[in-house]
């Protein structure tokens, strides 16, 4: 993502630089908060409920923004949502599929950070830049400059080096019989790479929809939030239903968790 943003920035374009810095800060702080929230010594929250709550909050915020766009009229908001969501079932179902991938992606991020340290996760998750570039070429027919291809190649090498175990680590696993830790790390890496694939595809496909269909981005995000919440609840029901029955939906939610939810996609 950063390589394409950077290539379009000029020295006089201060807004682009501000956007780039804000994006880096948001991404970094999200990872640090997410990792901290999973390792702090307190009652653990359920990551599946966090994904659902984040989607619900996103929907509320987007409805508020649609309200502002439509002269603060509730009736016009209802009309817009009815016209763009209810009366266009084909478009709505496309977003349902994207929302399912988003729900899987966000749950995988929690799994990855539960098994990987922050630095390893931060580096390996940058593989989403590579997947985004490839999907941009195939779906949007974008042309990538040689300099950008070289940057992507170096990124792939860097990610491969981070994930490749050293001989000392391999011997340590064999002699100490620390197979459980190794399996957890592999699960973390798999979660990262699957999440990077879904992130690249969903991001590019969403961009294609926004470019081809002149509908408010906030309305599109409402569609994503509706189905993201539904798919998230299905994941909650499948994996954490008993835990919720025992301790409640918002178990383990602290101030840090609520701050994290504002940053989660």
Protein backbone atom coordinates (compact mmCIF):
# COMPACT_ATOMS: atom_id res chain seq x y z
CA UNK A 1 0.00 0.00 0.00
CA UNK A 2 2.69 2.48 1.04
CA UNK A 3 4.75 1.95 -2.11
CA UNK A 4 1.89 3.12 -4.34
CA UNK A 5 1.02 6.08 -2.13
CA UNK A 6 4.64 7.17 -1.97
CA UNK A 7 5.08 7.01 -5.74
CA UNK A 8 2.34 9.62 -6.20
CA UNK A 9 3.61 12.08 -3.60
CA UNK A 10 5.41 15.23 -4.64
CA UNK A 11 7.41 17.53 -2.42
CA UNK A 12 4.75 20.22 -2.64
CA UNK A 13 1.86 17.89 -1.87
CA UNK A 14 1.65 18.32 1.89
CA UNK A 15 -1.76 16.66 2.16
CA UNK A 16 -0.41 13.45 0.65
CA UNK A 17 2.47 13.41 3.11
CA UNK A 18 0.07 13.97 6.00
CA UNK A 19 -2.14 11.13 4.75
CA UNK A 20 0.85 8.80 4.46
CA UNK A 21 2.10 9.62 7.97
CA UNK A 22 -1.42 9.21 9.38
CA UNK A 23 -1.77 5.83 7.65
CA UNK A 24 1.54 4.59 9.06
CA UNK A 25 0.67 5.80 12.57
CA UNK A 26 -2.79 4.23 12.42
CA UNK A 27 -1.47 0.87 11.22
CA UNK A 28 1.37 0.77 13.75
CA UNK A 29 -0.77 1.81 16.70
CA UNK A 30 -3.42 -0.76 15.74
CA UNK A 31 -0.90 -3.59 15.84
CA UNK A 32 0.63 -2.44 19.13
CA UNK A 33 -2.76 -2.03 20.78
CA UNK A 34 -4.02 -5.34 19.46
CA UNK A 35 -0.94 -7.21 20.68
CA UNK A 36 -1.02 -5.47 24.06
CA UNK A 37 -4.71 -6.20 24.52
CA UNK A 38 -4.04 -9.93 23.93
CA UNK A 39 -1.08 -10.20 26.31
CA UNK A 40 -1.98 -7.88 29.22
CA UNK A 41 -2.67 -9.65 32.52
CA UNK A 42 -6.43 -9.29 32.72
CA UNK A 43 -9.52 -11.22 31.75
CA UNK A 44 -9.24 -12.02 28.05
CA UNK A 45 -11.90 -10.66 25.75
CA UNK A 46 -13.29 -12.72 22.89
CA UNK A 47 -11.76 -11.63 19.59
CA UNK A 48 -14.86 -12.75 17.67
CA UNK A 49 -17.06 -10.36 19.67
CA UNK A 50 -14.54 -7.57 19.10
CA UNK A 51 -14.92 -7.99 15.33
CA UNK A 52 -18.72 -7.85 15.61
CA UNK A 53 -18.63 -4.78 17.86
CA UNK A 54 -16.22 -2.98 15.51
CA UNK A 55 -18.48 -3.67 12.51
CA UNK A 56 -21.53 -2.45 14.41
CA UNK A 57 -19.77 0.76 15.45
CA UNK A 58 -18.60 1.30 11.87
CA UNK A 59 -22.18 1.02 10.68
CA UNK A 60 -23.39 3.57 13.23
CA UNK A 61 -20.66 6.05 12.27
CA UNK A 62 -21.40 5.65 8.54
CA UNK A 63 -25.13 6.17 9.09
CA UNK A 64 -24.26 9.38 10.93
CA UNK A 65 -22.08 10.51 7.99
CA UNK A 66 -24.87 9.72 5.51
CA UNK A 67 -27.16 11.81 7.71
CA UNK A 68 -24.71 14.73 7.42
CA UNK A 69 -24.49 14.28 3.64
CA UNK A 70 -28.27 14.45 3.33
CA UNK A 71 -28.86 17.74 5.12
CA UNK A 72 -29.36 16.01 8.47
CA UNK A 73 -32.66 14.54 7.41
CA UNK A 74 -33.64 11.16 8.88
CA UNK A 75 -36.22 10.64 6.14
CA UNK A 76 -33.62 11.13 3.41
CA UNK A 77 -31.25 8.73 5.16
CA UNK A 78 -33.98 6.07 5.23
CA UNK A 79 -34.74 6.78 1.56
CA UNK A 80 -31.08 6.47 0.54
CA UNK A 81 -30.54 3.24 2.47
CA UNK A 82 -33.76 1.76 1.09
CA UNK A 83 -32.85 2.73 -2.47
CA UNK A 84 -29.20 1.62 -2.40
CA UNK A 85 -29.46 -1.48 -0.21
CA UNK A 86 -32.99 -2.90 -0.23
CA UNK A 87 -33.89 -2.09 -3.85
CA UNK A 88 -30.56 -3.33 -5.29
CA UNK A 89 -30.31 -6.94 -4.10
CA UNK A 90 -27.64 -7.86 -6.68
CA UNK A 91 -25.25 -5.16 -5.47
CA UNK A 92 -26.08 -5.91 -1.87
CA UNK A 93 -25.20 -9.60 -2.28
CA UNK A 94 -21.83 -8.66 -3.76
CA UNK A 95 -21.08 -6.75 -0.59
CA UNK A 96 -22.31 -9.68 1.46
CA UNK A 97 -19.51 -11.80 0.00
CA UNK A 98 -16.94 -9.08 0.65
CA UNK A 99 -18.19 -8.71 4.22
CA UNK A 100 -17.70 -12.43 4.79
CA UNK A 101 -14.07 -12.11 3.73
CA UNK A 102 -13.63 -9.04 5.95
CA UNK A 103 -14.99 -10.96 8.94
CA UNK A 104 -12.59 -13.84 8.30
CA UNK A 105 -9.69 -11.43 7.79
CA UNK A 106 -10.23 -9.55 11.05
CA UNK A 107 -10.60 -12.74 13.07
CA UNK A 108 -7.39 -14.09 11.54
CA UNK A 109 -5.54 -10.94 12.60
CA UNK A 110 -6.39 -11.64 16.23
CA UNK A 111 -5.24 -15.24 15.84
CA UNK A 112 -1.97 -14.16 14.24
CA UNK A 113 -1.10 -11.66 16.96
CA UNK A 114 -1.91 -14.22 19.63
CA UNK A 115 0.87 -16.47 18.27
CA UNK A 116 3.41 -14.01 16.83
CA UNK A 117 5.35 -11.17 18.40
CA UNK A 118 4.62 -7.64 17.25
CA UNK A 119 7.73 -7.18 15.10
CA UNK A 120 7.29 -10.47 13.24
CA UNK A 121 3.62 -9.79 12.64
CA UNK A 122 4.27 -6.24 11.44
CA UNK A 123 6.80 -7.42 8.87
CA UNK A 124 4.92 -10.47 7.60
CA UNK A 125 1.61 -8.65 7.32
CA UNK A 126 3.22 -6.24 4.88
CA UNK A 127 2.80 -9.05 2.37
CA UNK A 128 -0.66 -7.52 1.87
CA UNK A 129 1.12 -4.82 -0.15
CA UNK A 130 2.26 -7.53 -2.55
CA UNK A 131 -1.18 -9.14 -2.78
CA UNK A 132 -2.83 -5.74 -3.26
CA UNK A 133 -0.44 -4.96 -6.11
CA UNK A 134 -1.08 -8.28 -7.83
CA UNK A 135 -4.86 -7.98 -7.52
CA UNK A 136 -4.63 -4.39 -8.80
CA UNK A 137 -2.91 -5.66 -11.94
CA UNK A 138 -5.41 -8.48 -12.55
CA UNK A 139 -8.65 -6.76 -11.49
CA UNK A 140 -8.05 -3.05 -12.18
CA UNK A 141 -5.51 -3.51 -15.02
CA UNK A 142 -3.10 -1.16 -13.30
CA UNK A 143 0.40 -0.79 -14.65
CA UNK A 144 3.20 -1.02 -12.12
CA UNK A 145 6.52 0.70 -12.76
CA UNK A 146 9.81 -1.19 -12.68
CA UNK A 147 10.80 0.63 -9.51
CA UNK A 148 7.62 -0.55 -7.83
CA UNK A 149 8.13 -4.14 -9.01
CA UNK A 150 11.63 -4.04 -7.54
CA UNK A 151 10.23 -2.74 -4.24
CA UNK A 152 7.66 -5.54 -4.19
CA UNK A 153 10.37 -8.10 -4.94
CA UNK A 154 12.50 -6.85 -2.05
CA UNK A 155 9.43 -6.92 0.19
CA UNK A 156 8.80 -10.57 -0.70
CA UNK A 157 12.42 -11.44 0.10
CA UNK A 158 12.20 -9.62 3.43
CA UNK A 159 9.01 -11.44 4.44
CA UNK A 160 10.54 -14.78 3.41
CA UNK A 161 13.65 -14.13 5.51
CA UNK A 162 11.56 -13.28 8.56
CA UNK A 163 9.46 -16.45 8.29
CA UNK A 164 12.39 -18.76 7.47
CA UNK A 165 13.69 -20.44 10.66
CA UNK A 166 17.41 -20.43 11.42
CA UNK A 167 19.33 -23.68 11.94
CA UNK A 168 19.78 -22.85 15.63
CA UNK A 169 16.03 -22.45 16.06
CA UNK A 170 15.39 -25.76 14.30
CA UNK A 171 17.88 -27.59 16.52
CA UNK A 172 16.40 -25.98 19.59
CA UNK A 173 12.95 -27.18 18.63
CA UNK A 174 14.23 -30.71 18.10
CA UNK A 175 16.33 -30.96 21.25
CA UNK A 176 13.88 -29.19 23.54
CA UNK A 177 10.91 -30.90 21.90
CA UNK A 178 9.22 -27.55 21.73
CA UNK A 179 6.84 -28.62 19.00
CA UNK A 180 3.81 -26.82 20.44
CA UNK A 181 5.47 -23.41 20.09
CA UNK A 182 6.54 -24.19 16.54
CA UNK A 183 3.01 -25.25 15.58
CA UNK A 184 1.60 -22.04 17.08
CA UNK A 185 4.07 -19.95 15.09
CA UNK A 186 3.10 -21.75 11.89
CA UNK A 187 -0.56 -21.11 12.70
CA UNK A 188 0.29 -17.44 13.18
CA UNK A 189 2.11 -17.24 9.84
CA UNK A 190 -0.73 -19.02 8.02
CA UNK A 191 -3.26 -16.65 9.59
CA UNK A 192 -1.19 -13.64 8.47
CA UNK A 193 -0.82 -14.79 4.88
CA UNK A 194 -4.47 -15.78 4.45
CA UNK A 195 -5.45 -12.42 5.96
CA UNK A 196 -3.09 -10.64 3.57
CA UNK A 197 -4.67 -12.42 0.60
CA UNK A 198 -8.21 -11.50 1.63
CA UNK A 199 -7.14 -7.94 2.47
CA UNK A 200 -5.61 -7.46 -0.97
CA UNK A 201 -8.57 -8.91 -2.86
CA UNK A 202 -11.30 -7.17 -0.85
CA UNK A 203 -9.53 -3.80 -0.93
CA UNK A 204 -9.00 -3.87 -4.70
CA UNK A 205 -12.48 -5.19 -5.49
CA UNK A 206 -14.03 -2.55 -3.23
CA UNK A 207 -12.03 0.11 -5.08
CA UNK A 208 -13.33 -1.23 -8.40
CA UNK A 209 -16.93 -0.97 -7.19
CA UNK A 210 -16.42 2.59 -5.97
CA UNK A 211 -14.93 3.62 -9.32
CA UNK A 212 -17.59 2.01 -11.49
CA UNK A 213 -20.69 2.83 -9.45
CA UNK A 214 -21.24 6.44 -8.25
CA UNK A 215 -22.63 5.65 -4.82
CA UNK A 216 -21.57 7.27 -1.55
CA UNK A 217 -18.65 5.47 0.07
CA UNK A 218 -20.48 5.74 3.40
CA UNK A 219 -23.48 3.86 1.99
CA UNK A 220 -21.11 1.16 0.73
CA UNK A 221 -19.56 0.92 4.18
CA UNK A 222 -23.03 0.57 5.70
CA UNK A 223 -23.58 -2.42 3.42
CA UNK A 224 -20.27 -3.91 4.54
CA UNK A 225 -21.07 -3.24 8.19
CA UNK A 226 -24.50 -4.89 8.02
CA UNK A 227 -23.24 -8.13 6.56
CA UNK A 228 -19.96 -7.94 8.47
CA UNK A 229 -21.99 -7.93 11.68
CA UNK A 230 -24.09 -10.87 10.48
CA UNK A 231 -21.09 -12.97 9.46
CA UNK A 232 -19.29 -11.98 12.65
CA UNK A 233 -22.23 -13.17 14.73
CA UNK A 234 -22.16 -16.50 12.89
CA UNK A 235 -18.48 -16.90 13.83
CA UNK A 236 -19.31 -15.98 17.43
CA UNK A 237 -22.09 -18.58 17.49
CA UNK A 238 -19.83 -21.30 16.05
CA UNK A 239 -16.78 -20.77 18.27
CA UNK A 240 -17.63 -18.74 21.38
CA UNK A 241 -21.29 -19.38 22.15
CA UNK A 242 -20.57 -21.27 25.40
CA UNK A 243 -18.11 -18.63 26.64
CA UNK A 244 -20.67 -15.89 26.04
CA UNK A 245 -23.34 -17.86 27.88
CA UNK A 246 -20.97 -18.17 30.84
CA UNK A 247 -19.51 -14.65 31.10
CA UNK A 248 -21.35 -12.43 28.63
CA UNK A 249 -20.71 -10.85 25.23
CA UNK A 250 -18.50 -8.02 26.53
CA UNK A 251 -16.36 -10.05 28.90
CA UNK A 252 -12.83 -8.73 29.27
CA UNK A 253 -13.58 -5.39 27.58
CA UNK A 254 -11.33 -2.67 28.98
CA UNK A 255 -10.58 0.90 27.95
CA UNK A 256 -7.75 -0.41 25.75
CA UNK A 257 -10.14 -2.77 23.97
CA UNK A 258 -12.66 0.00 23.28
CA UNK A 259 -9.87 2.21 21.88
CA UNK A 260 -8.75 -0.72 19.73
CA UNK A 261 -12.25 -1.12 18.31
CA UNK A 262 -12.15 2.44 16.95
CA UNK A 263 -9.07 1.52 14.90
CA UNK A 264 -10.18 -1.90 13.71
CA UNK A 265 -11.42 -2.02 10.11
